[in-house]
Amino acid sequence: MQDYLKFDAFDNPMQLSKVGNWVITFISPAEQKTAVELAITYVLPRQFSTALQARRVLIQQSEIENYWLIQAIECFDSQTNQEVCLTPDNDMAQQTLQQILAEFARYDVEVQLEKM
C-alpha cells in the first residue's frame, strides 16, 4: 500500500503557492507530460527541538485525479544537526503528515491522507 494526499477538487496543489507556513513549489516543470512533482516546504527557520522538524514533503501527481503520491518526508534532527528522509509509512512521518493536514485545514485547504 502507498500513501497519498487527496486534495479537494477546489484545492489543486498546482494552483496553491502558500498555505500557512508551507510553500508549494514545482520540482518538475508544470508543463511536462509525465507526472508532476511538487515540494511542500516549511518556511520557518530551523529551531532546536527534541523532536524531528518536518522541512519538506515530496509528492507526485498520480493517475487518479486529486491524488498525490507521497514520495518522502524530509525532516531536520536538531540533536544530530542532520537532515533525515522518512518514508510515508514511518510512524514519525505519519505524525508529521497529520500535523500538516491540520495546518492546511486551518486555512480551509481540504486534504486527506489515503492508503491505496
Protein backbone atom coordinates (compact mmCIF):
# COMPACT_ATOMS: atom_id res chain seq x y z
CA MET A 1 0.00 0.00 0.00
CA GLN A 2 1.11 3.52 -0.72
CA ASP A 3 0.24 6.80 0.98
CA TYR A 4 -1.46 9.58 -0.93
CA LEU A 5 -2.61 13.09 -0.18
CA LYS A 6 -6.11 13.50 -1.57
CA PHE A 7 -6.79 17.16 -2.26
CA ASP A 8 -10.28 18.59 -2.62
CA ALA A 9 -11.08 19.36 -6.28
CA PHE A 10 -11.05 23.09 -5.44
CA ASP A 11 -7.64 22.86 -3.73
CA ASN A 12 -5.40 21.63 -6.55
CA PRO A 13 -1.86 21.87 -5.13
CA MET A 14 -0.56 23.03 -8.54
CA GLN A 15 -2.69 26.16 -8.07
CA LEU A 16 -1.64 26.81 -4.46
CA SER A 17 1.53 28.68 -3.61
CA LYS A 18 1.41 29.09 0.18
CA VAL A 19 -0.69 27.57 2.94
CA GLY A 20 0.13 28.85 6.41
CA ASN A 21 3.86 28.28 6.94
CA TRP A 22 4.10 25.90 3.98
CA VAL A 23 5.10 26.86 0.42
CA ILE A 24 4.24 24.62 -2.53
CA THR A 25 6.71 24.63 -5.41
CA PHE A 26 7.23 22.63 -8.58
CA ILE A 27 10.17 20.23 -8.63
CA SER A 28 9.42 19.20 -12.19
CA PRO A 29 8.26 21.63 -14.90
CA ALA A 30 4.49 22.14 -14.76
CA GLU A 31 4.14 21.65 -18.50
CA GLN A 32 5.90 18.28 -18.67
CA LYS A 33 3.89 15.35 -20.00
CA THR A 34 4.80 12.89 -17.23
CA ALA A 35 3.69 13.08 -13.61
CA VAL A 36 4.24 16.46 -11.98
CA GLU A 37 6.31 16.55 -8.78
CA LEU A 38 5.78 19.14 -6.06
CA ALA A 39 7.53 20.03 -2.81
CA ILE A 40 5.59 21.27 0.21
CA THR A 41 8.26 23.15 2.17
CA TYR A 42 8.13 24.58 5.69
CA VAL A 43 9.33 28.19 5.55
CA LEU A 44 10.13 28.95 9.19
CA PRO A 45 13.79 28.61 10.24
CA ARG A 46 15.04 25.50 11.95
CA GLN A 47 14.98 25.58 15.71
CA PHE A 48 16.38 23.43 18.49
CA SER A 49 13.88 20.75 19.42
CA THR A 50 13.92 17.24 20.82
CA ALA A 51 11.62 16.10 18.01
CA LEU A 52 12.22 15.90 14.29
CA GLN A 53 11.09 19.00 12.44
CA ALA A 54 9.33 18.47 9.13
CA ARG A 55 11.04 20.53 6.44
CA ARG A 56 9.66 19.24 3.13
CA VAL A 57 7.15 16.74 1.76
CA LEU A 58 7.72 15.49 -1.78
CA ILE A 59 4.61 14.47 -3.71
CA GLN A 60 3.96 13.24 -7.23
CA GLN A 61 0.78 13.53 -9.26
CA SER A 62 -0.90 10.16 -9.74
CA GLU A 63 -3.19 8.90 -12.49
CA ILE A 64 -6.14 9.29 -10.12
CA GLU A 65 -7.46 12.83 -10.14
CA ASN A 66 -6.71 14.84 -6.97
CA TYR A 67 -4.48 12.05 -5.54
CA TRP A 68 -0.81 12.81 -4.97
CA LEU A 69 1.64 10.05 -4.10
CA ILE A 70 3.79 10.88 -1.08
CA GLN A 71 7.37 10.11 -2.05
CA ALA A 72 9.26 11.24 1.06
CA ILE A 73 9.15 13.44 4.12
CA GLU A 74 12.37 15.33 4.79
CA CYS A 75 12.96 16.31 8.41
CA PHE A 76 15.66 18.06 10.40
CA ASP A 77 17.03 16.40 13.53
CA SER A 78 18.42 19.22 15.66
CA GLN A 79 20.06 16.80 18.10
CA THR A 80 22.35 15.41 15.39
CA ASN A 81 22.18 18.50 13.16
CA GLN A 82 21.29 16.35 10.16
CA GLU A 83 18.57 16.05 7.57
CA VAL A 84 16.59 12.82 7.79
CA CYS A 85 14.47 11.39 4.98
CA LEU A 86 11.45 9.34 6.12
CA THR A 87 9.23 7.06 4.10
CA PRO A 88 5.49 7.76 4.43
CA ASP A 89 4.87 4.51 6.34
CA ASN A 90 7.18 5.55 9.20
CA ASP A 91 5.31 6.42 12.46
CA MET A 92 7.07 9.80 12.74
CA ALA A 93 6.20 10.54 9.11
CA GLN A 94 2.54 9.76 9.78
CA GLN A 95 2.52 12.17 12.76
CA THR A 96 4.17 14.83 10.60
CA LEU A 97 1.61 14.37 7.84
CA GLN A 98 -1.24 14.70 10.34
CA GLN A 99 0.24 17.99 11.60
CA ILE A 100 0.47 19.30 8.04
CA LEU A 101 -3.14 18.30 7.30
CA ALA A 102 -4.30 20.06 10.48
CA GLU A 103 -2.49 23.25 9.46
CA PHE A 104 -3.91 23.09 5.93
CA ALA A 105 -7.41 22.64 7.40
CA ARG A 106 -6.96 25.86 9.43
CA TYR A 107 -6.62 27.65 6.08
CA ASP A 108 -9.62 25.84 4.53
CA VAL A 109 -7.46 23.65 2.29
CA GLU A 110 -9.08 20.23 2.43
CA VAL A 111 -6.56 17.37 2.24
CA GLN A 112 -6.93 13.79 3.41
CA LEU A 113 -4.37 11.06 3.94
CA GLU A 114 -5.34 7.94 1.96
CA LYS A 115 -3.75 4.49 1.64
CA MET A 116 -4.17 2.58 -1.58
